[in-house]
Amino acid sequence: MRKNTRATLAHWLTGEPSATAPAIHTDGDVIRSYSTWLTVRTGETHAIMNMTKYTRTTSVHQNAILADLEARGFDVEVVDDVPIGTRNSYAPFIVGGAK
């Protein structure tokens, strides 16, 4: 896993914001690549993962995050067809609202 991805994920797991590196960063609840959401926490061990293909670098981030979360026992719901630049429109993917 790349250094910035690892650091961002570590911050996300503790609910803390990370330094804003444009390629990958978190506000503590959502991991984003540039302005597109990749991972949203919807419960203590539940997350929604955007696996839409954008770029090779984003795919590396997505695959590393997904593998790490699954190894930690997270229940990860995978979605795709999320338009690039979709910063906060993940609500339709959260069934029953955030937990």
N, C-alpha and C. Protein backbone atom coordinates (compact mmCIF):
# COMPACT_ATOMS: atom_id res chain seq x y z
N MET A 1 0.85 -1.18 0.00
CA MET A 1 0.00 0.00 0.00
C MET A 1 0.90 1.24 0.00
N ARG A 2 0.55 2.21 -0.81
CA ARG A 2 1.31 3.44 -0.89
C ARG A 2 1.25 4.23 0.42
N LYS A 3 2.31 5.00 0.67
CA LYS A 3 2.44 5.74 1.93
C LYS A 3 1.25 6.67 2.19
N ASN A 4 0.84 7.47 1.20
CA ASN A 4 -0.27 8.40 1.41
C ASN A 4 -1.59 7.66 1.62
N THR A 5 -1.77 6.55 0.92
CA THR A 5 -2.99 5.76 1.10
C THR A 5 -3.02 5.18 2.51
N ARG A 6 -1.89 4.65 2.96
CA ARG A 6 -1.80 4.08 4.32
C ARG A 6 -2.09 5.14 5.38
N ALA A 7 -1.50 6.32 5.22
CA ALA A 7 -1.71 7.40 6.19
C ALA A 7 -3.15 7.86 6.20
N THR A 8 -3.73 8.01 5.01
CA THR A 8 -5.14 8.43 4.92
C THR A 8 -6.05 7.41 5.56
N LEU A 9 -5.83 6.14 5.27
CA LEU A 9 -6.66 5.08 5.85
C LEU A 9 -6.52 5.05 7.37
N ALA A 10 -5.31 5.23 7.88
CA ALA A 10 -5.10 5.25 9.33
C ALA A 10 -5.90 6.39 9.98
N HIS A 11 -5.91 7.55 9.36
CA HIS A 11 -6.70 8.67 9.87
C HIS A 11 -8.19 8.35 9.81
N TRP A 12 -8.64 7.81 8.70
CA TRP A 12 -10.05 7.48 8.51
C TRP A 12 -10.51 6.47 9.57
N LEU A 13 -9.67 5.47 9.85
CA LEU A 13 -10.03 4.43 10.83
C LEU A 13 -10.23 5.01 12.23
N THR A 14 -9.54 6.11 12.53
CA THR A 14 -9.70 6.74 13.85
C THR A 14 -10.67 7.92 13.81
N GLY A 15 -11.24 8.19 12.62
CA GLY A 15 -12.20 9.28 12.49
C GLY A 15 -11.59 10.66 12.46
N GLU A 16 -10.30 10.72 12.19
CA GLU A 16 -9.58 12.00 12.17
C GLU A 16 -9.31 12.44 10.74
N PRO A 17 -9.34 13.73 10.47
CA PRO A 17 -8.98 14.22 9.13
C PRO A 17 -7.48 14.03 8.87
N SER A 18 -7.15 13.87 7.61
CA SER A 18 -5.75 13.75 7.22
C SER A 18 -5.31 15.04 6.54
N ALA A 19 -4.01 15.15 6.35
CA ALA A 19 -3.50 16.28 5.58
C ALA A 19 -4.12 16.19 4.19
N THR A 20 -4.41 17.31 3.63
CA THR A 20 -5.10 17.33 2.35
C THR A 20 -4.10 17.19 1.21
N ALA A 21 -3.80 15.95 0.86
CA ALA A 21 -3.05 15.64 -0.35
C ALA A 21 -4.11 15.44 -1.43
N PRO A 22 -3.99 16.09 -2.56
CA PRO A 22 -5.09 16.04 -3.53
C PRO A 22 -5.43 14.62 -4.00
N ALA A 23 -4.44 13.77 -4.14
CA ALA A 23 -4.72 12.44 -4.70
C ALA A 23 -5.52 11.57 -3.75
N ILE A 24 -5.32 11.70 -2.44
CA ILE A 24 -6.07 10.90 -1.47
C ILE A 24 -6.06 11.60 -0.12
N HIS A 25 -7.25 11.74 0.47
CA HIS A 25 -7.38 12.42 1.77
C HIS A 25 -8.72 12.05 2.40
N THR A 26 -8.86 12.39 3.69
CA THR A 26 -10.09 12.10 4.41
C THR A 26 -10.45 13.24 5.35
N ASP A 27 -11.74 13.39 5.58
CA ASP A 27 -12.22 14.31 6.61
C ASP A 27 -12.52 13.55 7.89
N GLY A 28 -12.23 12.26 7.90
CA GLY A 28 -12.50 11.39 9.04
C GLY A 28 -13.68 10.47 8.81
N ASP A 29 -14.58 10.83 7.92
CA ASP A 29 -15.75 10.01 7.59
C ASP A 29 -15.72 9.49 6.16
N VAL A 30 -15.14 10.29 5.26
CA VAL A 30 -15.14 9.95 3.84
C VAL A 30 -13.71 10.04 3.33
N ILE A 31 -13.28 9.00 2.59
CA ILE A 31 -11.99 9.06 1.90
C ILE A 31 -12.29 9.52 0.47
N ARG A 32 -11.53 10.51 0.01
CA ARG A 32 -11.72 11.04 -1.34
C ARG A 32 -10.43 10.98 -2.13
N SER A 33 -10.58 10.82 -3.43
CA SER A 33 -9.49 10.98 -4.37
C SER A 33 -9.81 12.23 -5.16
N TYR A 34 -8.97 13.24 -5.01
CA TYR A 34 -9.27 14.56 -5.55
C TYR A 34 -10.64 14.97 -5.02
N SER A 35 -11.65 15.12 -5.85
CA SER A 35 -12.96 15.54 -5.33
C SER A 35 -14.00 14.43 -5.39
N THR A 36 -13.57 13.20 -5.64
CA THR A 36 -14.52 12.09 -5.77
C THR A 36 -14.43 11.18 -4.54
N TRP A 37 -15.60 10.86 -3.95
CA TRP A 37 -15.59 9.99 -2.77
C TRP A 37 -15.23 8.56 -3.17
N LEU A 38 -14.44 7.91 -2.32
CA LEU A 38 -14.07 6.51 -2.53
C LEU A 38 -14.64 5.60 -1.45
N THR A 39 -14.59 6.05 -0.20
CA THR A 39 -15.01 5.21 0.92
C THR A 39 -15.79 6.05 1.92
N VAL A 40 -16.94 5.52 2.35
CA VAL A 40 -17.78 6.21 3.33
C VAL A 40 -18.04 5.24 4.48
N ARG A 41 -17.80 5.70 5.70
CA ARG A 41 -18.11 4.88 6.88
C ARG A 41 -19.60 4.98 7.16
N THR A 42 -20.26 3.84 7.31
CA THR A 42 -21.69 3.83 7.61
C THR A 42 -21.99 3.07 8.90
N GLY A 43 -20.97 2.66 9.58
CA GLY A 43 -21.11 1.96 10.85
C GLY A 43 -19.72 1.68 11.40
N GLU A 44 -19.67 1.13 12.60
CA GLU A 44 -18.37 0.90 13.23
C GLU A 44 -17.47 0.03 12.36
N THR A 45 -18.04 -1.02 11.77
CA THR A 45 -17.26 -1.90 10.89
C THR A 45 -17.98 -2.10 9.55
N HIS A 46 -18.65 -1.07 9.08
CA HIS A 46 -19.34 -1.13 7.79
C HIS A 46 -18.96 0.10 6.97
N ALA A 47 -18.72 -0.12 5.69
CA ALA A 47 -18.36 0.99 4.80
C ALA A 47 -18.91 0.73 3.41
N ILE A 48 -19.08 1.81 2.66
CA ILE A 48 -19.44 1.73 1.25
C ILE A 48 -18.20 2.13 0.47
N MET A 49 -17.85 1.32 -0.51
CA MET A 49 -16.63 1.53 -1.29
C MET A 49 -17.00 1.76 -2.74
N ASN A 50 -16.60 2.91 -3.26
CA ASN A 50 -16.79 3.24 -4.66
C ASN A 50 -15.66 2.60 -5.46
N MET A 51 -15.99 1.61 -6.29
CA MET A 51 -14.98 0.92 -7.10
C MET A 51 -15.08 1.27 -8.58
N THR A 52 -15.70 2.41 -8.89
CA THR A 52 -15.76 2.87 -10.28
C THR A 52 -14.34 3.08 -10.79
N LYS A 53 -14.08 2.66 -12.01
CA LYS A 53 -12.75 2.83 -12.61
C LYS A 53 -12.59 4.25 -13.12
N TYR A 54 -11.56 4.96 -12.64
CA TYR A 54 -11.25 6.31 -13.09
C TYR A 54 -9.86 6.35 -13.72
N THR A 55 -8.83 6.18 -12.89
CA THR A 55 -7.45 6.19 -13.37
C THR A 55 -6.72 5.01 -12.74
N ARG A 56 -5.54 4.74 -13.25
CA ARG A 56 -4.73 3.65 -12.70
C ARG A 56 -4.38 3.94 -11.23
N THR A 57 -4.01 5.18 -10.93
CA THR A 57 -3.66 5.54 -9.55
C THR A 57 -4.85 5.38 -8.61
N THR A 58 -6.01 5.85 -9.04
CA THR A 58 -7.20 5.70 -8.20
C THR A 58 -7.52 4.23 -7.98
N SER A 59 -7.38 3.40 -9.01
CA SER A 59 -7.62 1.96 -8.86
C SER A 59 -6.67 1.34 -7.84
N VAL A 60 -5.42 1.80 -7.82
CA VAL A 60 -4.46 1.31 -6.82
C VAL A 60 -4.96 1.67 -5.42
N HIS A 61 -5.38 2.92 -5.23
CA HIS A 61 -5.93 3.35 -3.93
C HIS A 61 -7.14 2.50 -3.55
N GLN A 62 -8.08 2.36 -4.48
CA GLN A 62 -9.32 1.63 -4.20
C GLN A 62 -9.03 0.18 -3.81
N ASN A 63 -8.20 -0.50 -4.57
CA ASN A 63 -7.91 -1.91 -4.29
C ASN A 63 -7.18 -2.09 -2.96
N ALA A 64 -6.27 -1.18 -2.65
CA ALA A 64 -5.54 -1.27 -1.38
C ALA A 64 -6.47 -1.04 -0.19
N ILE A 65 -7.33 -0.03 -0.30
CA ILE A 65 -8.27 0.26 0.79
C ILE A 65 -9.24 -0.90 0.98
N LEU A 66 -9.81 -1.40 -0.11
CA LEU A 66 -10.75 -2.51 -0.01
C LEU A 66 -10.10 -3.73 0.63
N ALA A 67 -8.91 -4.10 0.19
CA ALA A 67 -8.21 -5.26 0.77
C ALA A 67 -7.95 -5.06 2.25
N ASP A 68 -7.53 -3.87 2.65
CA ASP A 68 -7.24 -3.59 4.05
C ASP A 68 -8.50 -3.67 4.90
N LEU A 69 -9.58 -3.05 4.43
CA LEU A 69 -10.83 -3.08 5.20
C LEU A 69 -11.36 -4.50 5.35
N GLU A 70 -11.32 -5.26 4.27
CA GLU A 70 -11.79 -6.66 4.36
C GLU A 70 -10.92 -7.47 5.31
N ALA A 71 -9.61 -7.23 5.31
CA ALA A 71 -8.70 -7.94 6.22
C ALA A 71 -9.00 -7.58 7.68
N ARG A 72 -9.51 -6.38 7.91
CA ARG A 72 -9.87 -5.93 9.26
C ARG A 72 -11.27 -6.39 9.67
N GLY A 73 -11.97 -7.08 8.78
CA GLY A 73 -13.28 -7.60 9.11
C GLY A 73 -14.43 -6.65 8.84
N PHE A 74 -14.16 -5.59 8.09
CA PHE A 74 -15.24 -4.67 7.72
C PHE A 74 -16.21 -5.34 6.76
N ASP A 75 -17.47 -5.01 6.90
CA ASP A 75 -18.49 -5.38 5.93
C ASP A 75 -18.48 -4.25 4.91
N VAL A 76 -17.98 -4.52 3.71
CA VAL A 76 -17.81 -3.48 2.70
C VAL A 76 -18.81 -3.72 1.58
N GLU A 77 -19.65 -2.72 1.36
CA GLU A 77 -20.59 -2.73 0.24
C GLU A 77 -19.92 -2.02 -0.92
N VAL A 78 -19.78 -2.71 -2.04
CA VAL A 78 -19.11 -2.15 -3.21
C VAL A 78 -20.15 -1.60 -4.18
N VAL A 79 -19.91 -0.37 -4.64
CA VAL A 79 -20.77 0.27 -5.65
C VAL A 79 -19.88 0.72 -6.81
N ASP A 80 -20.51 0.95 -7.95
CA ASP A 80 -19.78 1.51 -9.09
C ASP A 80 -20.71 2.43 -9.87
N ASP A 81 -20.24 2.92 -10.99
CA ASP A 81 -20.99 3.89 -11.80
C ASP A 81 -21.20 5.20 -11.08
N VAL A 82 -20.23 5.61 -10.27
CA VAL A 82 -20.28 6.90 -9.60
C VAL A 82 -19.54 7.90 -10.48
N PRO A 83 -20.20 8.96 -10.93
CA PRO A 83 -19.54 9.92 -11.81
C PRO A 83 -18.32 10.58 -11.14
N ILE A 84 -17.28 10.82 -11.91
CA ILE A 84 -16.09 11.49 -11.39
C ILE A 84 -16.49 12.88 -10.88
N GLY A 85 -15.89 13.29 -9.78
CA GLY A 85 -16.20 14.58 -9.18
C GLY A 85 -17.38 14.54 -8.23
N THR A 86 -17.91 13.34 -7.96
CA THR A 86 -19.05 13.20 -7.05
C THR A 86 -18.53 13.28 -5.63
N ARG A 87 -18.54 14.49 -5.09
CA ARG A 87 -17.93 14.76 -3.79
C ARG A 87 -18.76 14.26 -2.61
N ASN A 88 -20.05 14.54 -2.61
CA ASN A 88 -20.86 14.21 -1.44
C ASN A 88 -22.13 13.44 -1.77
N SER A 89 -22.30 13.01 -2.97
CA SER A 89 -23.56 12.36 -3.36
C SER A 89 -23.52 10.85 -3.14
N TYR A 90 -23.11 10.45 -1.94
CA TYR A 90 -23.09 9.03 -1.62
C TYR A 90 -24.35 8.61 -0.87
N ALA A 91 -25.20 9.55 -0.46
CA ALA A 91 -26.41 9.24 0.30
C ALA A 91 -27.29 8.19 -0.37
N PRO A 92 -27.47 8.22 -1.69
CA PRO A 92 -28.34 7.19 -2.30
C PRO A 92 -27.82 5.77 -2.11
N PHE A 93 -26.54 5.61 -1.79
CA PHE A 93 -25.98 4.28 -1.60
C PHE A 93 -26.10 3.79 -0.16
N ILE A 94 -26.52 4.68 0.76
CA ILE A 94 -26.63 4.30 2.16
C ILE A 94 -28.08 3.90 2.44
N VAL A 95 -28.32 2.61 2.59
CA VAL A 95 -29.66 2.11 2.85
C VAL A 95 -30.01 2.38 4.30
N GLY A 96 -31.08 3.10 4.51
CA GLY A 96 -31.53 3.36 5.88
C GLY A 96 -30.77 4.46 6.57
N GLY A 97 -29.92 5.18 5.85
CA GLY A 97 -29.17 6.28 6.46
C GLY A 97 -27.91 5.79 7.14
N ALA A 98 -27.04 6.70 7.45
CA ALA A 98 -25.76 6.37 8.11
C ALA A 98 -26.04 5.84 9.52
N LYS A 99 -25.23 4.89 9.92
CA LYS A 99 -25.38 4.28 11.24
C LYS A 99 -24.42 4.91 12.22
